[in-house]
């Protein structure tokens, strides 16, 4: 569990050069009040900045520095995690980022992004998105869980259940798989190259054993045969041109354009017909005007209906003509495509001939080389045998490596299936989904919102009323949405404690009591806060302090003095 103890900041947003220090564990509940612009939410921005390098609200880094002093912007936070004392310091002008562990600063040799990863992955065990799902609710820039895309919802729940290690393992495995594929590809290439060498050496040895004048004549005969074949192949492709194919493709493109244009006309006619149908239905079904309740004359209605029907018939005729034209053009396109296919087939034949020409030329060159060897003398047969033996030994080693690679690939395939989102992670998530849904519904009942909330394994929600009517999150009022957001917030905190993954003492409700909750919702939320564990420290940021006085253990008031935010009272 992460226990945030103290935060201190200066020259941050509207805060001046004097340190603002807030103890985060003094009381179970703290009310933070002040007028708009007094710096109440600066606490939240400062905490987000020092931990993740960016404010909670949509504020650019240069704007975080106090515009009056314009330097020495520093935020510090102290907390307990992993049984050790940590302090994180982050600043601007000058830039500063330090992580202290039990009084010793963690090595800063790594890049700032890697240094941030150390903080998030090794110390906090949570990222910026998950932090704001279990610590913060109610800020204008806060995106509730229900408004997150499915992929981000998965990230949050994986962090909560502490199973994102499988995602990291999967990434490492992907890198190993890519490396293995490259090694297999290289080994296969070596095997093929080795085979070529062995075949070449065998052929060479064979030639060495039967060198004679007849052998030379055989080579000459083969060369003449190949040259004749080459001349024939060259003759076959002399008159081939590609211009026909290009012309056909151009004609096809023109037809595509015309078909698309006709399709647009058909779409427009359909739309206008729908409008005519609506007009017909309106005048057929309504004797009185729905807006002014005046009676519509029957003759007027009949004229409108008839005019609309006439218009519909005209549109239908035009639509049918367009569809007929589309059909004709489509047939033309198909004919052209058949011609294109024939041309492509012919071109492929020509390409095959060109490849054969290249091969024949290489064969002639090879035969000429062999003939030259025959004419210059005989190489040592023993030397050729030794070379062949060496290549065959290499082949055995390469084949053994190929078998080992195959075994490793099969092993990787099994592990990959386990590490997929549909593998181990989904099984773990399925185990916790009933708990998540149960807790969420319990909190919804406490908040007097009697619906049945169900989150499935793809992180899509189903919300049903007592009468089993289905609703979407967006169909509810802002107050009802906020009840769902609150229920999920407290659920995530409970799950985090169960898993001891990213549980934290800190809970910040930014103007939650000022927004969409009605009086009953406020009272119910207070009931939930009263039930929280003793190790939870809740900060309620509100500009309606007079309505919430005496409901919390401590009150901190921010004021603006000489254009700087400061703590006026802390009682």
Protein backbone atom coordinates (compact mmCIF):
# COMPACT_ATOMS: atom_id res chain seq x y z
CA UNK A 1 0.00 0.00 0.00
CA UNK A 2 1.15 3.53 -0.83
CA UNK A 3 0.77 5.99 2.07
CA UNK A 4 1.12 9.59 0.89
CA UNK A 5 2.33 11.59 3.90
CA UNK A 6 3.17 15.12 2.84
CA UNK A 7 3.23 17.40 -0.19
CA UNK A 8 5.06 20.70 -0.52
CA UNK A 9 5.17 23.14 -3.46
CA UNK A 10 6.24 26.68 -4.37
CA UNK A 11 6.01 28.84 -7.46
CA UNK A 12 3.55 26.28 -8.80
CA UNK A 13 0.58 27.83 -10.66
CA UNK A 14 -0.71 30.66 -8.47
CA UNK A 15 1.48 29.70 -5.46
CA UNK A 16 4.32 32.14 -4.71
CA UNK A 17 7.87 31.70 -3.51
CA UNK A 18 6.69 30.70 -0.03
CA UNK A 19 6.33 26.92 0.46
CA UNK A 20 2.81 25.54 0.74
CA UNK A 21 3.01 22.37 2.81
CA UNK A 22 0.09 20.02 3.49
CA UNK A 23 0.19 16.96 5.73
CA UNK A 24 -1.85 14.25 4.03
CA UNK A 25 -2.26 11.88 7.01
CA UNK A 26 -3.20 14.20 9.89
CA UNK A 27 -6.93 13.41 9.75
CA UNK A 28 -9.24 10.92 8.13
CA UNK A 29 -11.22 13.64 6.33
CA UNK A 30 -10.15 17.13 5.27
CA UNK A 31 -12.35 19.83 3.72
CA UNK A 32 -10.45 22.11 1.32
CA UNK A 33 -12.32 25.37 0.68
CA UNK A 34 -11.78 28.72 -0.92
CA UNK A 35 -13.18 31.00 -3.56
CA UNK A 36 -12.80 30.22 -7.25
CA UNK A 37 -9.19 30.75 -8.31
CA UNK A 38 -7.88 30.64 -4.74
CA UNK A 39 -5.79 27.52 -5.43
CA UNK A 40 -7.92 24.71 -3.98
CA UNK A 41 -7.32 22.33 -6.89
CA UNK A 42 -3.64 23.24 -7.05
CA UNK A 43 -3.08 20.44 -4.53
CA UNK A 44 -4.37 17.92 -7.07
CA UNK A 45 -2.35 19.39 -9.95
CA UNK A 46 0.80 19.44 -7.82
CA UNK A 47 0.40 15.80 -6.80
CA UNK A 48 -0.18 14.71 -10.41
CA UNK A 49 2.78 16.78 -11.64
CA UNK A 50 5.31 15.53 -9.10
CA UNK A 51 4.36 11.87 -9.68
CA UNK A 52 3.76 11.82 -13.44
CA UNK A 53 5.27 15.00 -14.87
CA UNK A 54 1.94 16.55 -15.92
CA UNK A 55 -0.88 18.38 -14.17
CA UNK A 56 -4.22 16.76 -13.51
CA UNK A 57 -5.98 19.51 -15.42
CA UNK A 58 -5.19 20.34 -19.03
CA UNK A 59 -2.32 22.74 -18.32
CA UNK A 60 0.87 22.89 -20.36
CA UNK A 61 4.19 22.58 -18.50
CA UNK A 62 5.32 26.20 -19.12
CA UNK A 63 2.00 27.39 -17.64
CA UNK A 64 2.69 25.51 -14.39
CA UNK A 65 5.42 27.98 -13.43
CA UNK A 66 4.13 30.96 -11.47
CA UNK A 67 3.94 33.79 -14.01
CA UNK A 68 5.11 36.44 -11.52
CA UNK A 69 8.29 34.80 -10.23
CA UNK A 70 8.76 32.72 -13.40
CA UNK A 71 11.36 30.37 -11.89
CA UNK A 72 12.14 27.87 -9.15
CA UNK A 73 8.91 25.89 -9.56
CA UNK A 74 9.29 22.87 -7.26
CA UNK A 75 6.93 20.17 -5.95
CA UNK A 76 7.90 17.54 -3.37
CA UNK A 77 5.91 14.57 -2.10
CA UNK A 78 6.81 12.07 0.60
CA UNK A 79 5.24 8.64 0.89
CA UNK A 80 5.69 5.11 2.15
CA UNK A 81 5.78 2.23 -0.35
CA UNK A 82 7.24 -1.25 -0.39
CA UNK A 83 8.06 -0.83 3.31
CA UNK A 84 10.44 2.06 2.51
CA UNK A 85 10.39 5.85 2.68
CA UNK A 86 10.32 7.70 -0.64
CA UNK A 87 10.50 11.32 -1.66
CA UNK A 88 9.97 12.57 -5.22
CA UNK A 89 11.09 16.06 -6.25
CA UNK A 90 10.17 17.60 -9.60
CA UNK A 91 10.76 21.14 -10.74
CA UNK A 92 10.85 23.57 -13.65
CA UNK A 93 13.27 26.45 -14.29
CA UNK A 94 15.56 24.79 -13.53
CA UNK A 95 14.36 21.33 -14.60
CA UNK A 96 14.60 18.85 -11.77
CA UNK A 97 13.49 15.25 -11.25
CA UNK A 98 14.72 13.21 -8.28
CA UNK A 99 13.60 9.98 -6.62
CA UNK A 100 14.86 9.47 -3.06
CA UNK A 101 14.70 6.09 -1.31
CA UNK A 102 15.41 6.00 2.41
CA UNK A 103 17.43 9.20 2.13
CA UNK A 104 19.47 8.11 -0.91
CA UNK A 105 18.75 9.39 -4.42
CA UNK A 106 18.17 6.66 -7.00
CA UNK A 107 20.75 6.72 -9.81
CA UNK A 108 19.82 9.26 -12.53
CA UNK A 109 22.10 7.88 -15.25
CA UNK A 110 19.12 6.69 -17.28
CA UNK A 111 17.04 8.85 -19.62
CA UNK A 112 14.24 10.87 -17.99
CA UNK A 113 11.61 8.60 -19.59
CA UNK A 114 13.35 5.55 -18.18
CA UNK A 115 13.64 7.32 -14.81
CA UNK A 116 9.87 7.90 -14.92
CA UNK A 117 9.35 4.20 -15.67
CA UNK A 118 11.33 3.34 -12.53
CA UNK A 119 8.96 5.51 -10.51
CA UNK A 120 5.75 4.15 -12.07
CA UNK A 121 6.67 0.48 -12.52
CA UNK A 122 9.04 -0.23 -9.62
CA UNK A 123 7.84 2.15 -6.89
CA UNK A 124 4.23 3.32 -7.43
CA UNK A 125 3.12 0.23 -9.41
CA UNK A 126 0.57 2.38 -11.26
CA UNK A 127 0.40 4.80 -14.15
CA UNK A 128 -1.23 8.21 -14.60
CA UNK A 129 -4.56 6.79 -15.86
CA UNK A 130 -4.96 4.25 -13.06
CA UNK A 131 -3.92 6.79 -10.42
CA UNK A 132 -6.83 9.00 -11.42
CA UNK A 133 -9.28 6.09 -11.32
CA UNK A 134 -8.61 5.17 -7.68
CA UNK A 135 -7.50 8.48 -6.16
CA UNK A 136 -9.47 11.26 -7.88
CA UNK A 137 -13.11 11.92 -8.69
CA UNK A 138 -15.03 14.96 -9.78
CA UNK A 139 -12.46 17.14 -11.51
CA UNK A 140 -13.52 18.76 -14.74
CA UNK A 141 -10.62 17.10 -16.59
CA UNK A 142 -11.20 13.73 -14.96
CA UNK A 143 -12.42 11.01 -17.34
CA UNK A 144 -14.54 8.46 -15.44
CA UNK A 145 -14.00 4.76 -16.04
CA UNK A 146 -17.30 4.50 -17.90
CA UNK A 147 -16.12 7.03 -20.50
CA UNK A 148 -12.81 5.29 -21.18
CA UNK A 149 -12.34 3.13 -24.30
CA UNK A 150 -12.26 -0.66 -23.78
CA UNK A 151 -8.45 -0.83 -24.16
CA UNK A 152 -7.91 1.77 -21.42
CA UNK A 153 -10.48 0.07 -19.18
CA UNK A 154 -8.44 -3.11 -19.56
CA UNK A 155 -5.24 -1.26 -18.56
CA UNK A 156 -6.90 0.06 -15.39
CA UNK A 157 -8.24 -3.34 -14.33
CA UNK A 158 -4.95 -5.07 -15.15
CA UNK A 159 -3.17 -2.57 -12.91
CA UNK A 160 -5.73 -3.11 -10.15
CA UNK A 161 -5.36 -6.89 -10.34
CA UNK A 162 -1.58 -6.62 -10.69
CA UNK A 163 -1.56 -8.73 -13.85
CA UNK A 164 0.09 -6.24 -16.20
CA UNK A 165 3.27 -8.27 -15.61
CA UNK A 166 1.84 -10.72 -18.14
CA UNK A 167 1.65 -7.91 -20.71
CA UNK A 168 5.30 -7.09 -20.06
CA UNK A 169 6.19 -10.78 -20.36
CA UNK A 170 4.24 -10.93 -23.63
CA UNK A 171 6.18 -7.96 -24.99
CA UNK A 172 9.48 -9.60 -24.05
CA UNK A 173 8.30 -12.83 -25.66
CA UNK A 174 7.35 -10.97 -28.86
CA UNK A 175 10.89 -9.62 -29.05
CA UNK A 176 12.29 -13.14 -28.53
CA UNK A 177 9.92 -14.53 -31.17
CA UNK A 178 11.07 -11.88 -33.64
CA UNK A 179 14.71 -12.74 -32.89
CA UNK A 180 13.97 -16.46 -33.25
CA UNK A 181 12.26 -15.88 -36.61
CA UNK A 182 15.34 -14.04 -37.85
CA UNK A 183 17.63 -16.83 -36.60
CA UNK A 184 15.43 -19.47 -38.29
CA UNK A 185 15.46 -17.46 -41.51
CA UNK A 186 19.26 -17.16 -41.39
CA UNK A 187 19.65 -20.87 -40.61
CA UNK A 188 17.35 -21.85 -43.50
CA UNK A 189 19.37 -19.61 -45.78
CA UNK A 190 22.58 -21.29 -44.61
CA UNK A 191 21.05 -24.73 -45.20
CA UNK A 192 20.01 -23.75 -48.71
CA UNK A 193 23.43 -22.26 -49.40
CA UNK A 194 25.11 -25.38 -47.98
CA UNK A 195 22.95 -27.61 -50.19
CA UNK A 196 23.94 -25.57 -53.21
CA UNK A 197 27.60 -25.96 -52.29
CA UNK A 198 27.28 -29.72 -51.73
CA UNK A 199 25.48 -30.17 -55.04
CA UNK A 200 28.14 -28.08 -56.72
CA UNK A 201 30.99 -30.07 -55.16
CA UNK A 202 29.35 -33.39 -56.04
CA UNK A 203 28.91 -32.21 -59.58
CA UNK A 204 32.49 -31.02 -59.67
CA UNK A 205 33.82 -34.38 -58.41
CA UNK A 206 31.76 -36.15 -60.99
CA UNK A 207 33.27 -34.02 -63.67
CA UNK A 208 36.76 -34.66 -62.35
CA UNK A 209 36.30 -38.41 -62.71
CA UNK A 210 35.31 -38.35 -66.36
CA UNK A 211 37.33 -35.62 -67.95
CA UNK A 212 37.88 -36.40 -71.58
CA UNK A 213 37.52 -34.97 -75.02
CA UNK A 214 34.01 -36.37 -75.19
CA UNK A 215 33.19 -34.47 -72.01
CA UNK A 216 34.31 -31.26 -73.70
CA UNK A 217 32.14 -32.05 -76.68
CA UNK A 218 29.21 -32.68 -74.39
CA UNK A 219 29.70 -29.25 -72.83
CA UNK A 220 29.88 -27.61 -76.25
CA UNK A 221 26.72 -29.39 -77.31
CA UNK A 222 24.90 -28.27 -74.17
CA UNK A 223 26.06 -24.70 -74.66
CA UNK A 224 24.76 -24.71 -78.23
CA UNK A 225 21.43 -26.13 -77.06
CA UNK A 226 21.09 -23.46 -74.40
CA UNK A 227 22.04 -20.69 -76.83
CA UNK A 228 19.38 -21.92 -79.26
CA UNK A 229 16.86 -21.90 -76.44
CA UNK A 230 17.96 -18.36 -75.56
CA UNK A 231 17.49 -17.13 -79.12
CA UNK A 232 14.01 -18.68 -79.25
CA UNK A 233 13.00 -17.04 -75.97
CA UNK A 234 14.24 -13.63 -77.10
CA UNK A 235 12.21 -13.96 -80.27
CA UNK A 236 9.04 -14.71 -78.32
CA UNK A 237 9.12 -11.46 -76.33
CA UNK A 238 10.37 -9.09 -79.06
CA UNK A 239 6.93 -7.68 -79.94
CA UNK A 240 5.33 -7.61 -76.48
CA UNK A 241 4.05 -4.24 -75.19
CA UNK A 242 2.33 -3.16 -71.99
CA UNK A 243 0.37 -0.22 -73.39
CA UNK A 244 -2.86 -2.22 -73.83
CA UNK A 245 -3.03 -3.02 -70.12
CA UNK A 246 -2.54 0.63 -69.17
CA UNK A 247 -5.35 1.72 -71.54
CA UNK A 248 -7.74 -0.91 -70.12
CA UNK A 249 -6.99 0.15 -66.55
CA UNK A 250 -7.67 3.79 -67.47
CA UNK A 251 -11.05 2.86 -69.00
CA UNK A 252 -11.87 0.81 -65.91
CA UNK A 253 -11.06 3.78 -63.65
CA UNK A 254 -13.40 6.03 -65.69
CA UNK A 255 -16.20 3.45 -65.32
CA UNK A 256 -15.58 3.29 -61.55
CA UNK A 257 -15.99 7.07 -61.35
CA UNK A 258 -19.28 6.95 -63.30
CA UNK A 259 -20.62 4.07 -61.18
CA UNK A 260 -19.78 5.97 -57.99
CA UNK A 261 -21.53 9.08 -59.31
CA UNK A 262 -24.62 7.05 -60.18
CA UNK A 263 -24.48 5.45 -56.73
CA UNK A 264 -24.53 8.92 -55.17
CA UNK A 265 -27.60 9.82 -57.24
CA UNK A 266 -29.36 6.64 -56.11
CA UNK A 267 -28.52 7.49 -52.49
CA UNK A 268 -29.90 11.02 -52.95
CA UNK A 269 -33.09 9.70 -54.59
CA UNK A 270 -33.58 7.24 -51.71
CA UNK A 271 -33.14 10.04 -49.19
CA UNK A 272 -35.67 12.24 -51.00
CA UNK A 273 -38.11 9.33 -51.24
CA UNK A 274 -37.81 8.80 -47.48
CA UNK A 275 -38.60 12.49 -46.99
CA UNK A 276 -41.66 12.16 -49.28
CA UNK A 277 -42.80 9.10 -47.31
CA UNK A 278 -42.50 11.07 -44.07
CA UNK A 279 -44.53 13.93 -45.60
CA UNK A 280 -47.21 11.51 -46.83
CA UNK A 281 -47.41 9.80 -43.44
CA UNK A 282 -47.59 13.16 -41.64
CA UNK A 283 -50.57 14.46 -43.65
CA UNK A 284 -52.28 11.08 -43.63
CA UNK A 285 -51.94 10.65 -39.88
CA UNK A 286 -52.46 14.21 -38.65
CA UNK A 287 -55.75 16.10 -39.03
CA UNK A 288 -54.47 18.70 -36.61
CA UNK A 289 -51.13 20.48 -36.52
CA UNK A 290 -49.02 18.87 -33.71
CA UNK A 291 -47.42 22.24 -33.01
CA UNK A 292 -50.25 24.79 -33.01
CA UNK A 293 -53.14 22.26 -32.67
CA UNK A 294 -55.08 23.95 -35.52
CA UNK A 295 -57.09 21.79 -37.92
CA UNK A 296 -55.46 21.11 -41.28
CA UNK A 297 -57.91 21.39 -44.17
CA UNK A 298 -58.69 18.02 -45.71
CA UNK A 299 -58.23 19.35 -49.25
CA UNK A 300 -54.91 20.82 -48.28
CA UNK A 301 -53.84 17.49 -46.79
CA UNK A 302 -54.99 15.60 -49.89
CA UNK A 303 -53.05 17.99 -52.15
CA UNK A 304 -49.93 17.61 -50.03
CA UNK A 305 -50.22 13.82 -50.04
CA UNK A 306 -50.81 13.70 -53.81
CA UNK A 307 -47.94 16.08 -54.54
CA UNK A 308 -45.65 14.00 -52.31
CA UNK A 309 -46.74 10.79 -54.05
CA UNK A 310 -46.17 12.35 -57.49
CA UNK A 311 -42.73 13.47 -56.37
CA UNK A 312 -42.03 9.99 -55.01
CA UNK A 313 -43.01 8.42 -58.36
CA UNK A 314 -40.71 10.82 -60.24
CA UNK A 315 -37.87 9.99 -57.90
CA UNK A 316 -38.55 6.26 -58.27
CA UNK A 317 -38.39 6.53 -62.06
CA UNK A 318 -35.13 8.48 -61.84
CA UNK A 319 -33.71 6.00 -59.32
CA UNK A 320 -34.56 3.03 -61.53
CA UNK A 321 -32.93 4.72 -64.51
CA UNK A 322 -29.78 5.28 -62.46
CA UNK A 323 -29.75 1.68 -61.27
CA UNK A 324 -30.21 0.51 -64.88
CA UNK A 325 -27.27 2.71 -65.88
CA UNK A 326 -25.21 1.31 -63.00
CA UNK A 327 -25.98 -2.22 -64.17
CA UNK A 328 -24.92 -1.41 -67.73
CA UNK A 329 -21.72 0.27 -66.58
CA UNK A 330 -20.98 -2.64 -64.24
CA UNK A 331 -21.30 -5.09 -67.14
CA UNK A 332 -18.91 -2.93 -69.17
CA UNK A 333 -16.50 -2.90 -66.22
CA UNK A 334 -16.66 -6.69 -65.97
CA UNK A 335 -15.87 -7.02 -69.67
CA UNK A 336 -12.88 -4.73 -69.27
CA UNK A 337 -11.76 -6.67 -66.18
CA UNK A 338 -11.83 -9.86 -68.23
CA UNK A 339 -9.59 -8.18 -70.79
CA UNK A 340 -7.30 -6.91 -68.03
CA UNK A 341 -7.06 -10.42 -66.56
CA UNK A 342 -6.17 -11.79 -69.97
CA UNK A 343 -3.51 -9.10 -70.44
CA UNK A 344 -2.09 -9.74 -66.97
CA UNK A 345 -1.98 -13.46 -67.70
CA UNK A 346 -0.13 -12.74 -70.91
CA UNK A 347 2.26 -10.41 -69.09
CA UNK A 348 2.90 -13.10 -66.50
CA UNK A 349 3.77 -15.48 -69.29
CA UNK A 350 6.22 -12.91 -70.64
CA UNK A 351 7.73 -12.43 -67.17
CA UNK A 352 8.13 -16.20 -66.92
CA UNK A 353 9.93 -16.17 -70.25
CA UNK A 354 12.22 -13.38 -69.05
CA UNK A 355 13.05 -15.37 -65.92
CA UNK A 356 13.79 -18.37 -68.10
CA UNK A 357 16.05 -16.20 -70.27
CA UNK A 358 17.98 -15.09 -67.19
CA UNK A 359 18.29 -18.67 -66.01
CA UNK A 360 19.41 -19.82 -69.47
CA UNK A 361 22.06 -17.08 -69.61
CA UNK A 362 23.35 -18.14 -66.22
CA UNK A 363 23.34 -21.76 -67.38
CA UNK A 364 25.37 -20.85 -70.46
CA UNK A 365 27.85 -18.90 -68.31
CA UNK A 366 28.10 -21.86 -65.94
CA UNK A 367 28.66 -24.32 -68.79
CA UNK A 368 31.30 -22.06 -70.28
CA UNK A 369 33.06 -21.95 -66.91
CA UNK A 370 32.94 -25.73 -66.64
CA UNK A 371 34.31 -26.05 -70.15
CA UNK A 372 37.12 -23.66 -69.24
CA UNK A 373 37.99 -25.81 -66.25
CA UNK A 374 38.08 -28.88 -68.45
CA UNK A 375 40.39 -27.12 -70.86
CA UNK A 376 42.78 -25.74 -68.22
CA UNK A 377 43.33 -28.98 -66.41
CA UNK A 378 42.12 -31.28 -63.62
CA UNK A 379 41.94 -30.18 -59.98
CA UNK A 380 42.87 -32.45 -57.17
CA UNK A 381 40.13 -35.04 -56.60
CA UNK A 382 41.17 -35.46 -52.95
CA UNK A 383 40.88 -31.77 -52.33
CA UNK A 384 37.36 -31.86 -53.75
CA UNK A 385 36.50 -34.83 -51.51
CA UNK A 386 37.77 -32.99 -48.41
CA UNK A 387 35.75 -29.91 -49.25
CA UNK A 388 32.62 -32.00 -49.79
CA UNK A 389 33.10 -33.78 -46.46
CA UNK A 390 33.46 -30.44 -44.65
CA UNK A 391 30.26 -29.09 -46.20
CA UNK A 392 28.35 -32.26 -45.30
CA UNK A 393 29.49 -31.92 -41.66
CA UNK A 394 28.28 -28.32 -41.64
CA UNK A 395 24.94 -29.51 -43.01
CA UNK A 396 24.47 -31.94 -40.10
CA UNK A 397 25.09 -29.10 -37.61
CA UNK A 398 22.64 -26.82 -39.44
CA UNK A 399 19.95 -29.54 -39.55
CA UNK A 400 20.35 -30.11 -35.77
CA UNK A 401 19.99 -26.37 -35.22
CA UNK A 402 16.86 -26.36 -37.39
CA UNK A 403 15.27 -29.03 -35.15
CA UNK A 404 16.16 -27.06 -32.01
CA UNK A 405 14.66 -23.91 -33.52
CA UNK A 406 11.47 -25.82 -34.34
CA UNK A 407 11.17 -27.01 -30.74
CA UNK A 408 11.75 -23.48 -29.44
CA UNK A 409 9.12 -22.11 -31.83
CA UNK A 410 6.55 -24.63 -30.60
CA UNK A 411 7.35 -23.69 -27.01
CA UNK A 412 7.00 -19.98 -27.82
CA UNK A 413 3.64 -20.62 -29.50
CA UNK A 414 2.31 -22.27 -26.32
CA UNK A 415 3.58 -19.42 -24.12
CA UNK A 416 2.17 -16.83 -26.55
CA UNK A 417 -1.30 -18.35 -26.28
CA UNK A 418 -1.07 -18.22 -22.48
CA UNK A 419 0.08 -14.58 -22.42
CA UNK A 420 -2.54 -13.28 -24.84
CA UNK A 421 -5.35 -11.08 -23.50
CA UNK A 422 -7.59 -14.13 -23.92
CA UNK A 423 -5.24 -16.35 -21.91
CA UNK A 424 -4.14 -16.17 -18.27
CA UNK A 425 -5.17 -12.53 -17.83
CA UNK A 426 -8.75 -13.20 -18.93
CA UNK A 427 -9.02 -16.16 -16.54
CA UNK A 428 -7.88 -13.98 -13.64
CA UNK A 429 -10.20 -11.15 -14.67
CA UNK A 430 -13.14 -13.60 -14.89
CA UNK A 431 -12.45 -14.63 -11.29
CA UNK A 432 -12.64 -11.05 -10.06
CA UNK A 433 -15.51 -9.78 -12.22
CA UNK A 434 -18.21 -11.17 -9.86
CA UNK A 435 -16.49 -9.42 -6.94
CA UNK A 436 -16.20 -6.16 -8.90
CA UNK A 437 -19.87 -6.29 -9.92
CA UNK A 438 -21.02 -7.20 -6.41
CA UNK A 439 -19.08 -4.34 -4.80
CA UNK A 440 -20.28 -1.86 -7.43
CA UNK A 441 -23.92 -2.79 -6.87
CA UNK A 442 -23.49 -2.60 -3.10
CA UNK A 443 -22.17 0.95 -3.36
CA UNK A 444 -24.95 1.87 -5.79
CA UNK A 445 -27.53 0.70 -3.24
CA UNK A 446 -25.89 2.76 -0.50
CA UNK A 447 -26.15 5.72 -2.88
CA UNK A 448 -29.92 4.96 -3.29
CA UNK A 449 -29.47 4.08 -6.95
CA UNK A 450 -31.24 0.75 -7.41
CA UNK A 451 -29.99 -0.60 -10.72
CA UNK A 452 -28.09 -3.78 -11.50
CA UNK A 453 -24.63 -3.01 -12.88
CA UNK A 454 -22.73 -5.77 -14.69
CA UNK A 455 -19.27 -5.51 -16.27
CA UNK A 456 -18.36 -8.35 -18.66
CA UNK A 457 -14.92 -9.74 -19.57
CA UNK A 458 -14.65 -7.37 -22.55
CA UNK A 459 -15.23 -4.50 -20.04
CA UNK A 460 -18.57 -3.53 -21.53
CA UNK A 461 -21.29 -2.61 -19.07
CA UNK A 462 -24.91 -3.73 -18.80
CA UNK A 463 -27.15 -1.62 -16.58
CA UNK A 464 -30.68 -2.81 -15.81
CA UNK A 465 -33.46 -1.39 -13.70
CA UNK A 466 -35.54 -3.35 -11.20
CA UNK A 467 -37.88 -4.20 -14.07
CA UNK A 468 -34.93 -5.51 -16.16
CA UNK A 469 -35.04 -2.58 -18.55
CA UNK A 470 -31.64 -2.05 -20.13
CA UNK A 471 -29.94 1.35 -20.01
CA UNK A 472 -26.69 2.82 -21.18
CA UNK A 473 -24.43 4.96 -19.01
CA UNK A 474 -25.03 7.98 -21.25
CA UNK A 475 -28.81 7.69 -20.88
CA UNK A 476 -28.67 8.62 -17.18
CA UNK A 477 -28.72 12.10 -15.68
CA UNK A 478 -25.50 13.73 -14.52
CA UNK A 479 -26.40 12.96 -10.91
CA UNK A 480 -27.01 9.28 -11.72
CA UNK A 481 -23.77 9.10 -13.71
CA UNK A 482 -21.92 10.53 -10.74
CA UNK A 483 -23.40 7.83 -8.49
CA UNK A 484 -22.07 5.17 -10.89
CA UNK A 485 -18.65 6.90 -11.00
CA UNK A 486 -18.55 7.02 -7.19
CA UNK A 487 -19.53 3.37 -6.88
CA UNK A 488 -16.75 2.35 -9.31
CA UNK A 489 -14.20 4.57 -7.55
CA UNK A 490 -14.85 2.89 -4.19
CA UNK A 491 -14.95 -0.52 -5.90
CA UNK A 492 -11.50 0.02 -7.45
CA UNK A 493 -10.13 1.03 -4.07
CA UNK A 494 -11.58 -2.11 -2.48
CA UNK A 495 -10.17 -4.36 -5.20
CA UNK A 496 -6.77 -2.66 -4.89
CA UNK A 497 -6.77 -3.45 -1.17
CA UNK A 498 -7.79 -7.05 -1.80
CA UNK A 499 -4.88 -7.51 -4.22
CA UNK A 500 -2.56 -5.23 -2.25
CA UNK A 501 -1.50 -4.01 -5.65
CA UNK A 502 -1.99 -0.26 -5.96
CA UNK A 503 -3.92 0.50 -2.78
CA UNK A 504 -3.36 3.97 -1.37
CA UNK A 505 -4.46 6.00 1.62
CA UNK A 506 -5.31 9.06 -0.45
CA UNK A 507 -8.73 9.86 -1.89
CA UNK A 508 -9.46 13.30 -3.43
CA UNK A 509 -13.02 14.37 -4.26
CA UNK A 510 -12.70 17.52 -6.36
CA UNK A 511 -15.96 19.49 -6.18
CA UNK A 512 -17.91 16.24 -6.06
CA UNK A 513 -20.28 17.70 -3.49
CA UNK A 514 -20.72 20.82 -5.64
CA UNK A 515 -21.80 19.16 -8.84
CA UNK A 516 -24.68 16.87 -9.73
CA UNK A 517 -25.40 15.16 -6.43
CA UNK A 518 -28.70 16.04 -4.79
CA UNK A 519 -29.20 16.29 -1.04
CA UNK A 520 -29.84 12.56 -0.68
CA UNK A 521 -26.77 11.80 -2.78
CA UNK A 522 -24.62 14.00 -0.56
CA UNK A 523 -25.86 12.25 2.58
CA UNK A 524 -25.32 8.82 1.08
CA UNK A 525 -21.80 9.75 -0.01
CA UNK A 526 -21.05 10.93 3.52
CA UNK A 527 -22.25 7.54 4.80
CA UNK A 528 -19.77 5.77 2.51
CA UNK A 529 -16.94 8.04 3.66
CA UNK A 530 -17.78 7.16 7.26
CA UNK A 531 -17.35 3.45 6.46
CA UNK A 532 -13.86 3.81 4.96
CA UNK A 533 -10.90 2.19 6.71
CA UNK A 534 -8.92 4.12 9.28
CA UNK A 535 -5.96 4.17 6.94
CA UNK A 536 -7.86 6.24 4.34
CA UNK A 537 -7.29 10.00 4.13
CA UNK A 538 -10.01 11.83 2.20
CA UNK A 539 -9.62 15.36 0.84
CA UNK A 540 -12.86 17.09 -0.22
CA UNK A 541 -12.26 20.12 -2.44
CA UNK A 542 -15.30 22.42 -2.47
CA UNK A 543 -16.31 26.03 -2.85
CA UNK A 544 -19.42 25.39 -0.72
CA UNK A 545 -17.63 25.11 2.55
CA UNK A 546 -20.44 26.72 4.52
CA UNK A 547 -22.73 23.79 3.65
CA UNK A 548 -20.16 21.16 4.62
CA UNK A 549 -18.76 22.70 7.79
CA UNK A 550 -18.58 20.43 10.83
CA UNK A 551 -18.98 17.32 8.63
CA UNK A 552 -15.25 16.61 8.38
CA UNK A 553 -12.30 16.33 10.77
CA UNK A 554 -10.27 19.23 9.37
CA UNK A 555 -10.76 22.29 7.17
CA UNK A 556 -8.07 23.95 5.06
CA UNK A 557 -8.93 27.32 3.53
CA UNK A 558 -7.05 28.80 0.57
CA UNK A 559 -7.07 32.52 -0.17
CA UNK A 560 -5.55 34.84 -2.76
CA UNK A 561 -3.18 37.42 -1.23
CA UNK A 562 -1.29 39.83 -3.46
CA UNK A 563 -2.11 37.55 -6.41
CA UNK A 564 -0.53 34.53 -4.69
CA UNK A 565 -2.43 31.51 -3.34
CA UNK A 566 -1.74 30.54 0.26
CA UNK A 567 -3.24 28.59 3.11
CA UNK A 568 -5.21 30.98 5.33
CA UNK A 569 -6.43 28.54 7.94
CA UNK A 570 -6.03 24.91 8.74
CA UNK A 571 -8.36 23.88 11.56
